[in-house]
């Protein structure tokens, strides 16, 4: 269970990064939508895991690789945005949020369109 401080910092990071990704996607990947679905911050506030949802799915691996290479840029953006609340900007770890893919698989299976061996 996350502490109040972890939740507040996670929410702050989510808001700051969502805006940064919106601008970045328009410039480098027009037509793609990158959203920050969740931010989990370690108890010592030294590491933040950022879960991203990328739409459409056809370029998500390439976009995630580019985001990982641009981590110092996003960390700088985050440090400027959260400088009044944080002394140190945490290490950022970006991960794909596959929740929408799983929902789609389940939905397709329920409709009989998936690779369901029972039907």
PDB file of N, CA and C in Angstrom:
ATOM      1  N   UNK A   1       0.848  -1.177   0.000  1.00  0.00           N
ATOM      2  CA  UNK A   1       0.000   0.000   0.000  1.00  0.00           C
ATOM      3  C   UNK A   1       0.894   1.242   0.000  1.00  0.00           C
ATOM      4  N   UNK A   2       0.604   2.128  -0.915  1.00  0.00           N
ATOM      5  CA  UNK A   2       1.397   3.348  -1.031  1.00  0.00           C
ATOM      6  C   UNK A   2       0.989   4.360   0.039  1.00  0.00           C
ATOM      7  N   UNK A   3       1.973   5.116   0.505  1.00  0.00           N
ATOM      8  CA  UNK A   3       1.698   6.166   1.479  1.00  0.00           C
ATOM      9  C   UNK A   3       1.043   7.354   0.774  1.00  0.00           C
ATOM     10  N   UNK A   4       0.537   8.268   1.578  1.00  0.00           N
ATOM     11  CA  UNK A   4      -0.064   9.486   1.016  1.00  0.00           C
ATOM     12  C   UNK A   4       0.946  10.254   0.173  1.00  0.00           C
ATOM     13  N   UNK A   5       2.166  10.344   0.675  1.00  0.00           N
ATOM     14  CA  UNK A   5       3.222  11.078  -0.045  1.00  0.00           C
ATOM     15  C   UNK A   5       3.498  10.433  -1.399  1.00  0.00           C
ATOM     16  N   UNK A   6       3.604   9.101  -1.440  1.00  0.00           N
ATOM     17  CA  UNK A   6       3.839   8.398  -2.699  1.00  0.00           C
ATOM     18  C   UNK A   6       2.701   8.650  -3.682  1.00  0.00           C
ATOM     19  N   UNK A   7       1.477   8.618  -3.201  1.00  0.00           N
ATOM     20  CA  UNK A   7       0.322   8.850  -4.074  1.00  0.00           C
ATOM     21  C   UNK A   7       0.308  10.273  -4.622  1.00  0.00           C
ATOM     22  N   UNK A   8       0.622  11.253  -3.771  1.00  0.00           N
ATOM     23  CA  UNK A   8       0.643  12.643  -4.219  1.00  0.00           C
ATOM     24  C   UNK A   8       1.739  12.882  -5.255  1.00  0.00           C
ATOM     25  N   UNK A   9       2.921  12.322  -5.006  1.00  0.00           N
ATOM     26  CA  UNK A   9       4.033  12.482  -5.947  1.00  0.00           C
ATOM     27  C   UNK A   9       3.701  11.771  -7.256  1.00  0.00           C
ATOM     28  N   UNK A  10       3.119  10.583  -7.179  1.00  0.00           N
ATOM     29  CA  UNK A  10       2.719   9.852  -8.380  1.00  0.00           C
ATOM     30  C   UNK A  10       1.712  10.627  -9.209  1.00  0.00           C
ATOM     31  N   UNK A  11       0.755  11.235  -8.559  1.00  0.00           N
ATOM     32  CA  UNK A  11      -0.256  12.041  -9.256  1.00  0.00           C
ATOM     33  C   UNK A  11       0.390  13.262  -9.919  1.00  0.00           C
ATOM     34  N   UNK A  12       1.285  13.915  -9.213  1.00  0.00           N
ATOM     35  CA  UNK A  12       1.992  15.077  -9.761  1.00  0.00           C
ATOM     36  C   UNK A  12       2.800  14.683 -10.991  1.00  0.00           C
ATOM     37  N   UNK A  13       3.548  13.578 -10.892  1.00  0.00           N
ATOM     38  CA  UNK A  13       4.343  13.107 -12.021  1.00  0.00           C
ATOM     39  C   UNK A  13       3.456  12.724 -13.195  1.00  0.00           C
ATOM     40  N   UNK A  14       2.326  12.102 -12.905  1.00  0.00           N
ATOM     41  CA  UNK A  14       1.415  11.690 -13.973  1.00  0.00           C
ATOM     42  C   UNK A  14       0.908  12.904 -14.746  1.00  0.00           C
ATOM     43  N   UNK A  15       0.547  13.948 -14.051  1.00  0.00           N
ATOM     44  CA  UNK A  15       0.052  15.155 -14.713  1.00  0.00           C
ATOM     45  C   UNK A  15       1.146  15.824 -15.545  1.00  0.00           C
ATOM     46  N   UNK A  16       2.333  15.951 -14.964  1.00  0.00           N
ATOM     47  CA  UNK A  16       3.441  16.601 -15.677  1.00  0.00           C
ATOM     48  C   UNK A  16       3.842  15.806 -16.924  1.00  0.00           C
ATOM     49  N   UNK A  17       3.970  14.492 -16.783  1.00  0.00           N
ATOM     50  CA  UNK A  17       4.401  13.660 -17.907  1.00  0.00           C
ATOM     51  C   UNK A  17       3.326  13.534 -18.980  1.00  0.00           C
ATOM     52  N   UNK A  18       2.062  13.547 -18.589  1.00  0.00           N
ATOM     53  CA  UNK A  18       0.980  13.466 -19.574  1.00  0.00           C
ATOM     54  C   UNK A  18       1.061  14.646 -20.540  1.00  0.00           C
ATOM     55  N   UNK A  19       1.278  15.818 -20.014  1.00  0.00           N
ATOM     56  CA  UNK A  19       1.402  17.007 -20.863  1.00  0.00           C
ATOM     57  C   UNK A  19       2.661  16.936 -21.728  1.00  0.00           C
ATOM     58  N   UNK A  20       3.752  16.469 -21.144  1.00  0.00           N
ATOM     59  CA  UNK A  20       5.005  16.353 -21.898  1.00  0.00           C
ATOM     60  C   UNK A  20       4.860  15.348 -23.045  1.00  0.00           C
ATOM     61  N   UNK A  21       4.220  14.218 -22.788  1.00  0.00           N
ATOM     62  CA  UNK A  21       4.027  13.210 -23.839  1.00  0.00           C
ATOM     63  C   UNK A  21       3.058  13.689 -24.914  1.00  0.00           C
ATOM     64  N   UNK A  22       2.063  14.481 -24.514  1.00  0.00           N
ATOM     65  CA  UNK A  22       1.126  15.011 -25.511  1.00  0.00           C
ATOM     66  C   UNK A  22       1.877  15.880 -26.519  1.00  0.00           C
ATOM     67  N   UNK A  23       2.705  16.780 -26.019  1.00  0.00           N
ATOM     68  CA  UNK A  23       3.480  17.661 -26.905  1.00  0.00           C
ATOM     69  C   UNK A  23       4.507  16.877 -27.714  1.00  0.00           C
ATOM     70  N   UNK A  24       5.176  15.927 -27.078  1.00  0.00           N
ATOM     71  CA  UNK A  24       6.210  15.126 -27.737  1.00  0.00           C
ATOM     72  C   UNK A  24       5.615  14.273 -28.859  1.00  0.00           C
ATOM     73  N   UNK A  25       4.459  13.662 -28.606  1.00  0.00           N
ATOM     74  CA  UNK A  25       3.821  12.806 -29.611  1.00  0.00           C
ATOM     75  C   UNK A  25       3.374  13.613 -30.826  1.00  0.00           C
ATOM     76  N   UNK A  26       2.880  14.812 -30.596  1.00  0.00           N
ATOM     77  CA  UNK A  26       2.456  15.662 -31.716  1.00  0.00           C
ATOM     78  C   UNK A  26       3.641  15.994 -32.609  1.00  0.00           C
ATOM     79  N   UNK A  27       4.786  16.240 -31.999  1.00  0.00           N
ATOM     80  CA  UNK A  27       5.968  16.626 -32.761  1.00  0.00           C
ATOM     81  C   UNK A  27       6.634  15.442 -33.472  1.00  0.00           C
ATOM     82  N   UNK A  28       6.825  14.333 -32.769  1.00  0.00           N
ATOM     83  CA  UNK A  28       7.610  13.226 -33.318  1.00  0.00           C
ATOM     84  C   UNK A  28       6.773  12.060 -33.852  1.00  0.00           C
ATOM     85  N   UNK A  29       5.594  11.849 -33.321  1.00  0.00           N
ATOM     86  CA  UNK A  29       4.734  10.740 -33.755  1.00  0.00           C
ATOM     87  C   UNK A  29       3.303  11.244 -33.950  1.00  0.00           C
ATOM     88  N   UNK A  30       3.083  12.093 -34.966  1.00  0.00           N
ATOM     89  CA  UNK A  30       1.731  12.614 -35.168  1.00  0.00           C
ATOM     90  C   UNK A  30       0.749  11.474 -35.457  1.00  0.00           C
ATOM     91  N   UNK A  31      -0.425  11.598 -34.916  1.00  0.00           N
ATOM     92  CA  UNK A  31      -1.442  10.576 -35.090  1.00  0.00           C
ATOM     93  C   UNK A  31      -1.410   9.496 -34.027  1.00  0.00           C
ATOM     94  N   UNK A  32      -0.441   9.556 -33.129  1.00  0.00           N
ATOM     95  CA  UNK A  32      -0.363   8.595 -32.031  1.00  0.00           C
ATOM     96  C   UNK A  32      -0.732   9.275 -30.722  1.00  0.00           C
ATOM     97  N   UNK A  33      -1.310   8.495 -29.841  1.00  0.00           N
ATOM     98  CA  UNK A  33      -1.721   8.999 -28.541  1.00  0.00           C
ATOM     99  C   UNK A  33      -0.943   8.249 -27.467  1.00  0.00           C
ATOM    100  N   UNK A  34      -0.238   8.980 -26.638  1.00  0.00           N
ATOM    101  CA  UNK A  34       0.517   8.386 -25.541  1.00  0.00           C
ATOM    102  C   UNK A  34      -0.096   8.916 -24.249  1.00  0.00           C
ATOM    103  N   UNK A  35      -0.584   7.997 -23.426  1.00  0.00           N
ATOM    104  CA  UNK A  35      -1.158   8.424 -22.161  1.00  0.00           C
ATOM    105  C   UNK A  35      -0.454   7.726 -21.002  1.00  0.00           C
ATOM    106  N   UNK A  36      -0.354   8.430 -19.911  1.00  0.00           N
ATOM    107  CA  UNK A  36       0.253   7.902 -18.698  1.00  0.00           C
ATOM    108  C   UNK A  36      -0.882   7.319 -17.866  1.00  0.00           C
ATOM    109  N   UNK A  37      -0.923   5.982 -17.769  1.00  0.00           N
ATOM    110  CA  UNK A  37      -2.030   5.347 -17.067  1.00  0.00           C
ATOM    111  C   UNK A  37      -1.803   5.259 -15.566  1.00  0.00           C
ATOM    112  N   UNK A  38      -0.534   5.113 -15.160  1.00  0.00           N
ATOM    113  CA  UNK A  38      -0.252   4.989 -13.731  1.00  0.00           C
ATOM    114  C   UNK A  38       1.210   5.332 -13.466  1.00  0.00           C
ATOM    115  N   UNK A  39       1.465   5.874 -12.292  1.00  0.00           N
ATOM    116  CA  UNK A  39       2.835   6.135 -11.846  1.00  0.00           C
ATOM    117  C   UNK A  39       2.963   5.550 -10.449  1.00  0.00           C
ATOM    118  N   UNK A  40       3.928   4.646 -10.290  1.00  0.00           N
ATOM    119  CA  UNK A  40       4.203   4.054  -8.976  1.00  0.00           C
ATOM    120  C   UNK A  40       5.568   4.557  -8.511  1.00  0.00           C
ATOM    121  N   UNK A  41       5.574   5.155  -7.341  1.00  0.00           N
ATOM    122  CA  UNK A  41       6.794   5.737  -6.791  1.00  0.00           C
ATOM    123  C   UNK A  41       7.258   4.873  -5.622  1.00  0.00           C
ATOM    124  N   UNK A  42       8.575   4.621  -5.556  1.00  0.00           N
ATOM    125  CA  UNK A  42       9.130   3.822  -4.467  1.00  0.00           C
ATOM    126  C   UNK A  42       8.996   4.578  -3.142  1.00  0.00           C
ATOM    127  N   UNK A  43       9.037   3.861  -2.021  1.00  0.00           N
ATOM    128  CA  UNK A  43       8.883   4.532  -0.709  1.00  0.00           C
ATOM    129  C   UNK A  43       9.909   5.633  -0.440  1.00  0.00           C
ATOM    130  N   UNK A  44      11.123   5.486  -0.970  1.00  0.00           N
ATOM    131  CA  UNK A  44      12.134   6.529  -0.753  1.00  0.00           C
ATOM    132  C   UNK A  44      12.073   7.627  -1.819  1.00  0.00           C
ATOM    133  N   UNK A  45      11.102   7.552  -2.721  1.00  0.00           N
ATOM    134  CA  UNK A  45      10.875   8.513  -3.805  1.00  0.00           C
ATOM    135  C   UNK A  45      12.058   8.597  -4.766  1.00  0.00           C
ATOM    136  N   UNK A  46      12.863   7.541  -4.817  1.00  0.00           N
ATOM    137  CA  UNK A  46      14.041   7.531  -5.677  1.00  0.00           C
ATOM    138  C   UNK A  46      13.808   6.927  -7.049  1.00  0.00           C
ATOM    139  N   UNK A  47      12.721   6.147  -7.196  1.00  0.00           N
ATOM    140  CA  UNK A  47      12.419   5.484  -8.462  1.00  0.00           C
ATOM    141  C   UNK A  47      10.939   5.647  -8.755  1.00  0.00           C
ATOM    142  N   UNK A  48      10.624   5.982 -10.003  1.00  0.00           N
ATOM    143  CA  UNK A  48       9.233   6.083 -10.431  1.00  0.00           C
ATOM    144  C   UNK A  48       9.028   5.194 -11.651  1.00  0.00           C
ATOM    145  N   UNK A  49       8.083   4.267 -11.544  1.00  0.00           N
ATOM    146  CA  UNK A  49       7.708   3.424 -12.680  1.00  0.00           C
ATOM    147  C   UNK A  49       6.511   4.065 -13.351  1.00  0.00           C
ATOM    148  N   UNK A  50       6.678   4.372 -14.630  1.00  0.00           N
ATOM    149  CA  UNK A  50       5.630   5.047 -15.383  1.00  0.00           C
ATOM    150  C   UNK A  50       5.045   4.062 -16.383  1.00  0.00           C
ATOM    151  N   UNK A  51       3.748   3.812 -16.277  1.00  0.00           N
ATOM    152  CA  UNK A  51       3.065   2.893 -17.165  1.00  0.00           C
ATOM    153  C   UNK A  51       2.375   3.703 -18.260  1.00  0.00           C
ATOM    154  N   UNK A  52       2.688   3.346 -19.515  1.00  0.00           N
ATOM    155  CA  UNK A  52       2.201   4.092 -20.667  1.00  0.00           C
ATOM    156  C   UNK A  52       1.260   3.245 -21.503  1.00  0.00           C
ATOM    157  N   UNK A  53       0.256   3.900 -22.039  1.00  0.00           N
ATOM    158  CA  UNK A  53      -0.634   3.286 -23.013  1.00  0.00           C
ATOM    159  C   UNK A  53      -0.424   4.035 -24.322  1.00  0.00           C
ATOM    160  N   UNK A  54      -0.149   3.284 -25.389  1.00  0.00           N
ATOM    161  CA  UNK A  54       0.152   3.892 -26.685  1.00  0.00           C
ATOM    162  C   UNK A  54      -0.874   3.411 -27.697  1.00  0.00           C
ATOM    163  N   UNK A  55      -1.513   4.356 -28.380  1.00  0.00           N
ATOM    164  CA  UNK A  55      -2.524   4.042 -29.383  1.00  0.00           C
ATOM    165  C   UNK A  55      -2.202   4.796 -30.647  1.00  0.00           C
ATOM    166  N   UNK A  56      -2.266   4.222 -31.805  1.00  0.00           N
ATOM    167  CA  UNK A  56      -2.585   2.829 -32.121  1.00  0.00           C
ATOM    168  C   UNK A  56      -1.429   1.898 -31.782  1.00  0.00           C
ATOM    169  N   UNK A  57      -1.758   0.620 -31.672  1.00  0.00           N
ATOM    170  CA  UNK A  57      -0.809  -0.379 -31.171  1.00  0.00           C
ATOM    171  C   UNK A  57       0.288  -0.765 -32.144  1.00  0.00           C
ATOM    172  N   UNK A  58       0.180  -0.433 -33.414  1.00  0.00           N
ATOM    173  CA  UNK A  58       1.131  -0.936 -34.408  1.00  0.00           C
ATOM    174  C   UNK A  58       2.560  -0.432 -34.214  1.00  0.00           C
ATOM    175  N   UNK A  59       2.757   0.719 -33.588  1.00  0.00           N
ATOM    176  CA  UNK A  59       4.105   1.269 -33.391  1.00  0.00           C
ATOM    177  C   UNK A  59       4.511   1.340 -31.932  1.00  0.00           C
ATOM    178  N   UNK A  60       3.793   0.669 -31.045  1.00  0.00           N
ATOM    179  CA  UNK A  60       4.027   0.877 -29.614  1.00  0.00           C
ATOM    180  C   UNK A  60       5.430   0.478 -29.167  1.00  0.00           C
ATOM    181  N   UNK A  61       5.991  -0.589 -29.734  1.00  0.00           N
ATOM    182  CA  UNK A  61       7.342  -1.001 -29.334  1.00  0.00           C
ATOM    183  C   UNK A  61       8.397   0.013 -29.773  1.00  0.00           C
ATOM    184  N   UNK A  62       8.248   0.526 -30.994  1.00  0.00           N
ATOM    185  CA  UNK A  62       9.195   1.538 -31.483  1.00  0.00           C
ATOM    186  C   UNK A  62       9.103   2.826 -30.671  1.00  0.00           C
ATOM    187  N   UNK A  63       7.884   3.225 -30.361  1.00  0.00           N
ATOM    188  CA  UNK A  63       7.692   4.454 -29.589  1.00  0.00           C
ATOM    189  C   UNK A  63       8.251   4.288 -28.177  1.00  0.00           C
ATOM    190  N   UNK A  64       8.013   3.124 -27.561  1.00  0.00           N
ATOM    191  CA  UNK A  64       8.542   2.893 -26.216  1.00  0.00           C
ATOM    192  C   UNK A  64      10.070   2.914 -26.217  1.00  0.00           C
ATOM    193  N   UNK A  65      10.696   2.326 -27.226  1.00  0.00           N
ATOM    194  CA  UNK A  65      12.160   2.353 -27.309  1.00  0.00           C
ATOM    195  C   UNK A  65      12.674   3.789 -27.416  1.00  0.00           C
ATOM    196  N   UNK A  66      11.982   4.609 -28.210  1.00  0.00           N
ATOM    197  CA  UNK A  66      12.383   6.011 -28.352  1.00  0.00           C
ATOM    198  C   UNK A  66      12.196   6.766 -27.037  1.00  0.00           C
ATOM    199  N   UNK A  67      11.100   6.483 -26.338  1.00  0.00           N
ATOM    200  CA  UNK A  67      10.862   7.130 -25.044  1.00  0.00           C
ATOM    201  C   UNK A  67      11.967   6.764 -24.056  1.00  0.00           C
ATOM    202  N   UNK A  68      12.370   5.490 -24.058  1.00  0.00           N
ATOM    203  CA  UNK A  68      13.425   5.048 -23.143  1.00  0.00           C
ATOM    204  C   UNK A  68      14.745   5.745 -23.463  1.00  0.00           C
ATOM    205  N   UNK A  69      15.028   5.937 -24.752  1.00  0.00           N
ATOM    206  CA  UNK A  69      16.266   6.647 -25.098  1.00  0.00           C
ATOM    207  C   UNK A  69      16.179   8.134 -24.725  1.00  0.00           C
ATOM    208  N   UNK A  70      14.969   8.667 -24.680  1.00  0.00           N
ATOM    209  CA  UNK A  70      14.773  10.075 -24.328  1.00  0.00           C
ATOM    210  C   UNK A  70      14.499  10.282 -22.835  1.00  0.00           C
ATOM    211  N   UNK A  71      14.752   9.268 -22.023  1.00  0.00           N
ATOM    212  CA  UNK A  71      14.488   9.358 -20.580  1.00  0.00           C
ATOM    213  C   UNK A  71      15.128  10.589 -19.929  1.00  0.00           C
ATOM    214  N   UNK A  72      16.386  10.929 -20.227  1.00  0.00           N
ATOM    215  CA  UNK A  72      16.953  12.140 -19.606  1.00  0.00           C
ATOM    216  C   UNK A  72      16.168  13.421 -19.942  1.00  0.00           C
ATOM    217  N   UNK A  73      15.639  13.486 -21.148  1.00  0.00           N
ATOM    218  CA  UNK A  73      14.829  14.647 -21.542  1.00  0.00           C
ATOM    219  C   UNK A  73      13.569  14.741 -20.692  1.00  0.00           C
ATOM    220  N   UNK A  74      12.871  13.597 -20.543  1.00  0.00           N
ATOM    221  CA  UNK A  74      11.638  13.597 -19.758  1.00  0.00           C
ATOM    222  C   UNK A  74      11.919  13.812 -18.272  1.00  0.00           C
ATOM    223  N   UNK A  75      13.049  13.346 -17.809  1.00  0.00           N
ATOM    224  CA  UNK A  75      13.423  13.574 -16.419  1.00  0.00           C
ATOM    225  C   UNK A  75      13.688  15.066 -16.183  1.00  0.00           C
ATOM    226  N   UNK A  76      14.292  15.728 -17.172  1.00  0.00           N
ATOM    227  CA  UNK A  76      14.514  17.172 -17.078  1.00  0.00           C
ATOM    228  C   UNK A  76      13.215  17.942 -17.058  1.00  0.00           C
ATOM    229  N   UNK A  77      12.280  17.547 -17.910  1.00  0.00           N
ATOM    230  CA  UNK A  77      10.957  18.190 -17.933  1.00  0.00           C
ATOM    231  C   UNK A  77      10.277  18.018 -16.584  1.00  0.00           C
ATOM    232  N   UNK A  78      10.367  16.807 -16.048  1.00  0.00           N
ATOM    233  CA  UNK A  78       9.749  16.515 -14.764  1.00  0.00           C
ATOM    234  C   UNK A  78      10.410  17.305 -13.636  1.00  0.00           C
ATOM    235  N   UNK A  79      11.721  17.453 -13.691  1.00  0.00           N
ATOM    236  CA  UNK A  79      12.419  18.190 -12.629  1.00  0.00           C
ATOM    237  C   UNK A  79      12.045  19.666 -12.639  1.00  0.00           C
ATOM    238  N   UNK A  80      11.850  20.232 -13.839  1.00  0.00           N
ATOM    239  CA  UNK A  80      11.432  21.637 -13.910  1.00  0.00           C
ATOM    240  C   UNK A  80       9.999  21.812 -13.419  1.00  0.00           C
ATOM    241  N   UNK A  81       9.129  20.859 -13.759  1.00  0.00           N
ATOM    242  CA  UNK A  81       7.721  20.975 -13.373  1.00  0.00           C
ATOM    243  C   UNK A  81       7.471  20.712 -11.900  1.00  0.00           C
ATOM    244  N   UNK A  82       8.257  19.826 -11.308  1.00  0.00           N
ATOM    245  CA  UNK A  82       8.023  19.439  -9.917  1.00  0.00           C
ATOM    246  C   UNK A  82       9.079  19.999  -8.981  1.00  0.00           C
ATOM    247  N   UNK A  83       9.823  20.991  -9.420  1.00  0.00           N
ATOM    248  CA  UNK A  83      10.951  21.494  -8.622  1.00  0.00           C
ATOM    249  C   UNK A  83      10.524  22.107  -7.294  1.00  0.00           C
ATOM    250  N   UNK A  84       9.310  22.626  -7.210  1.00  0.00           N
ATOM    251  CA  UNK A  84       8.862  23.242  -5.971  1.00  0.00           C
ATOM    252  C   UNK A  84       8.456  22.209  -4.923  1.00  0.00           C
ATOM    253  N   UNK A  85       8.083  21.004  -5.386  1.00  0.00           N
ATOM    254  CA  UNK A  85       7.644  19.969  -4.461  1.00  0.00           C
ATOM    255  C   UNK A  85       8.727  18.935  -4.155  1.00  0.00           C
ATOM    256  N   UNK A  86       9.705  18.796  -5.041  1.00  0.00           N
ATOM    257  CA  UNK A  86      10.704  17.733  -4.894  1.00  0.00           C
ATOM    258  C   UNK A  86      12.114  18.320  -4.895  1.00  0.00           C
ATOM    259  N   UNK A  87      12.965  17.780  -4.055  1.00  0.00           N
ATOM    260  CA  UNK A  87      14.373  18.181  -4.080  1.00  0.00           C
ATOM    261  C   UNK A  87      15.132  17.401  -5.138  1.00  0.00           C
ATOM    262  N   UNK A  88      14.827  16.110  -5.244  1.00  0.00           N
ATOM    263  CA  UNK A  88      15.526  15.230  -6.171  1.00  0.00           C
ATOM    264  C   UNK A  88      14.513  14.617  -7.125  1.00  0.00           C
ATOM    265  N   UNK A  89      14.859  14.590  -8.407  1.00  0.00           N
ATOM    266  CA  UNK A  89      13.996  13.942  -9.391  1.00  0.00           C
ATOM    267  C   UNK A  89      14.367  12.462  -9.438  1.00  0.00           C
ATOM    268  N   UNK A  90      13.376  11.582  -9.302  1.00  0.00           N
ATOM    269  CA  UNK A  90      13.688  10.152  -9.250  1.00  0.00           C
ATOM    270  C   UNK A  90      14.113   9.583 -10.602  1.00  0.00           C
ATOM    271  N   UNK A  91      14.695   8.395 -10.547  1.00  0.00           N
ATOM    272  CA  UNK A  91      15.001   7.644 -11.755  1.00  0.00           C
ATOM    273  C   UNK A  91      13.667   7.223 -12.371  1.00  0.00           C
ATOM    274  N   UNK A  92      13.562   7.335 -13.691  1.00  0.00           N
ATOM    275  CA  UNK A  92      12.316   6.987 -14.378  1.00  0.00           C
ATOM    276  C   UNK A  92      12.464   5.652 -15.094  1.00  0.00           C
ATOM    277  N   UNK A  93      11.493   4.782 -14.907  1.00  0.00           N
ATOM    278  CA  UNK A  93      11.438   3.499 -15.596  1.00  0.00           C
ATOM    279  C   UNK A  93      10.110   3.452 -16.348  1.00  0.00           C
ATOM    280  N   UNK A  94      10.193   3.358 -17.672  1.00  0.00           N
ATOM    281  CA  UNK A  94       8.993   3.347 -18.498  1.00  0.00           C
ATOM    282  C   UNK A  94       8.604   1.916 -18.847  1.00  0.00           C
ATOM    283  N   UNK A  95       7.304   1.621 -18.714  1.00  0.00           N
ATOM    284  CA  UNK A  95       6.779   0.301 -19.036  1.00  0.00           C
ATOM    285  C   UNK A  95       5.475   0.461 -19.798  1.00  0.00           C
ATOM    286  N   UNK A  96       5.185  -0.526 -20.651  1.00  0.00           N
ATOM    287  CA  UNK A  96       3.921  -0.518 -21.379  1.00  0.00           C
ATOM    288  C   UNK A  96       2.802  -1.033 -20.481  1.00  0.00           C
ATOM    289  N   UNK A  97       1.669  -0.389 -20.538  1.00  0.00           N
ATOM    290  CA  UNK A  97       0.476  -0.855 -19.838  1.00  0.00           C
ATOM    291  C   UNK A  97      -0.338  -1.651 -20.851  1.00  0.00           C
ATOM    292  N   UNK A  98      -0.421  -2.950 -20.654  1.00  0.00           N
ATOM    293  CA  UNK A  98      -1.106  -3.826 -21.603  1.00  0.00           C
ATOM    294  C   UNK A  98      -2.557  -4.092 -21.229  1.00  0.00           C
ATOM    295  N   UNK A  99      -3.131  -3.299 -20.367  1.00  0.00           N
ATOM    296  CA  UNK A  99      -4.493  -3.504 -19.917  1.00  0.00           C
ATOM    297  C   UNK A  99      -5.480  -3.464 -21.080  1.00  0.00           C
ATOM    298  N   UNK A 100      -5.330  -2.486 -21.979  1.00  0.00           N
ATOM    299  CA  UNK A 100      -6.261  -2.379 -23.102  1.00  0.00           C
ATOM    300  C   UNK A 100      -6.153  -3.578 -24.042  1.00  0.00           C
ATOM    301  N   UNK A 101      -4.940  -4.104 -24.222  1.00  0.00           N
ATOM    302  CA  UNK A 101      -4.761  -5.291 -25.051  1.00  0.00           C
ATOM    303  C   UNK A 101      -5.467  -6.491 -24.433  1.00  0.00           C
ATOM    304  N   UNK A 102      -5.350  -6.631 -23.117  1.00  0.00           N
ATOM    305  CA  UNK A 102      -5.997  -7.747 -22.433  1.00  0.00           C
ATOM    306  C   UNK A 102      -7.523  -7.625 -22.503  1.00  0.00           C
ATOM    307  N   UNK A 103      -8.033  -6.413 -22.353  1.00  0.00           N
ATOM    308  CA  UNK A 103      -9.477  -6.196 -22.462  1.00  0.00           C
ATOM    309  C   UNK A 103      -9.957  -6.564 -23.859  1.00  0.00           C
ATOM    310  N   UNK A 104      -9.189  -6.170 -24.863  1.00  0.00           N
ATOM    311  CA  UNK A 104      -9.547  -6.494 -26.243  1.00  0.00           C
ATOM    312  C   UNK A 104      -9.551  -8.007 -26.472  1.00  0.00           C
ATOM    313  N   UNK A 105      -8.553  -8.713 -25.948  1.00  0.00           N
ATOM    314  CA  UNK A 105      -8.504 -10.179 -26.084  1.00  0.00           C
ATOM    315  C   UNK A 105      -9.718 -10.834 -25.451  1.00  0.00           C
ATOM    316  N   UNK A 106     -10.062 -10.394 -24.249  1.00  0.00           N
ATOM    317  CA  UNK A 106     -11.207 -10.966 -23.546  1.00  0.00           C
ATOM    318  C   UNK A 106     -12.492 -10.675 -24.299  1.00  0.00           C
ATOM    319  N   UNK A 107     -12.630  -9.449 -24.780  1.00  0.00           N
ATOM    320  CA  UNK A 107     -13.821  -9.064 -25.527  1.00  0.00           C
ATOM    321  C   UNK A 107     -13.976  -9.894 -26.799  1.00  0.00           C
ATOM    322  N   UNK A 108     -12.868 -10.085 -27.513  1.00  0.00           N
ATOM    323  CA  UNK A 108     -12.899 -10.890 -28.740  1.00  0.00           C
ATOM    324  C   UNK A 108     -13.236 -12.345 -28.432  1.00  0.00           C
ATOM    325  N   UNK A 109     -12.696 -12.872 -27.334  1.00  0.00           N
ATOM    326  CA  UNK A 109     -12.984 -14.255 -26.948  1.00  0.00           C
ATOM    327  C   UNK A 109     -14.453 -14.431 -26.585  1.00  0.00           C
ATOM    328  N   UNK A 110     -15.005 -13.437 -25.886  1.00  0.00           N
ATOM    329  CA  UNK A 110     -16.423 -13.520 -25.518  1.00  0.00           C
ATOM    330  C   UNK A 110     -17.339 -13.424 -26.728  1.00  0.00           C
ATOM    331  N   UNK A 111     -16.915 -12.739 -27.757  1.00  0.00           N
ATOM    332  CA  UNK A 111     -17.698 -12.618 -28.976  1.00  0.00           C
ATOM    333  C   UNK A 111     -17.482 -13.798 -29.921  1.00  0.00           C
ATOM    334  N   UNK A 112     -16.550 -14.696 -29.560  1.00  0.00           N
ATOM    335  CA  UNK A 112     -16.273 -15.860 -30.404  1.00  0.00           C
ATOM    336  C   UNK A 112     -15.317 -15.566 -31.551  1.00  0.00           C
ATOM    337  N   UNK A 113     -14.653 -14.424 -31.517  1.00  0.00           N
ATOM    338  CA  UNK A 113     -13.748 -14.031 -32.596  1.00  0.00           C
ATOM    339  C   UNK A 113     -12.295 -14.387 -32.284  1.00  0.00           C
ATOM    340  N   UNK A 114     -12.000 -14.685 -31.055  1.00  0.00           N
ATOM    341  CA  UNK A 114     -10.623 -14.979 -30.665  1.00  0.00           C
ATOM    342  C   UNK A 114     -10.239 -16.412 -30.949  1.00  0.00           C
ATOM    343  N   UNK A 115      -9.081 -16.783 -30.499  1.00  0.00           N
ATOM    344  CA  UNK A 115      -8.568 -18.138 -30.667  1.00  0.00           C
ATOM    345  C   UNK A 115      -8.965 -18.941 -29.443  1.00  0.00           C
ATOM    346  N   UNK A 116     -10.254 -19.194 -29.274  1.00  0.00           N
ATOM    347  CA  UNK A 116     -10.788 -19.851 -28.101  1.00  0.00           C
ATOM    348  C   UNK A 116     -11.023 -21.326 -28.419  1.00  0.00           C
ATOM    349  N   UNK A 117     -10.284 -22.247 -27.805  1.00  0.00           N
ATOM    350  CA  UNK A 117     -10.420 -23.670 -28.127  1.00  0.00           C
ATOM    351  C   UNK A 117     -11.738 -24.282 -27.640  1.00  0.00           C
ATOM    352  N   UNK A 118     -12.437 -23.640 -26.726  1.00  0.00           N
ATOM    353  CA  UNK A 118     -13.679 -24.201 -26.189  1.00  0.00           C
ATOM    354  C   UNK A 118     -14.815 -24.071 -27.188  1.00  0.00           C
ATOM    355  N   UNK A 119     -14.841 -23.013 -27.973  1.00  0.00           N
ATOM    356  CA  UNK A 119     -15.965 -22.790 -28.903  1.00  0.00           C
ATOM    357  C   UNK A 119     -15.908 -23.690 -30.079  1.00  0.00           C
TER     358      UNK A 119
END
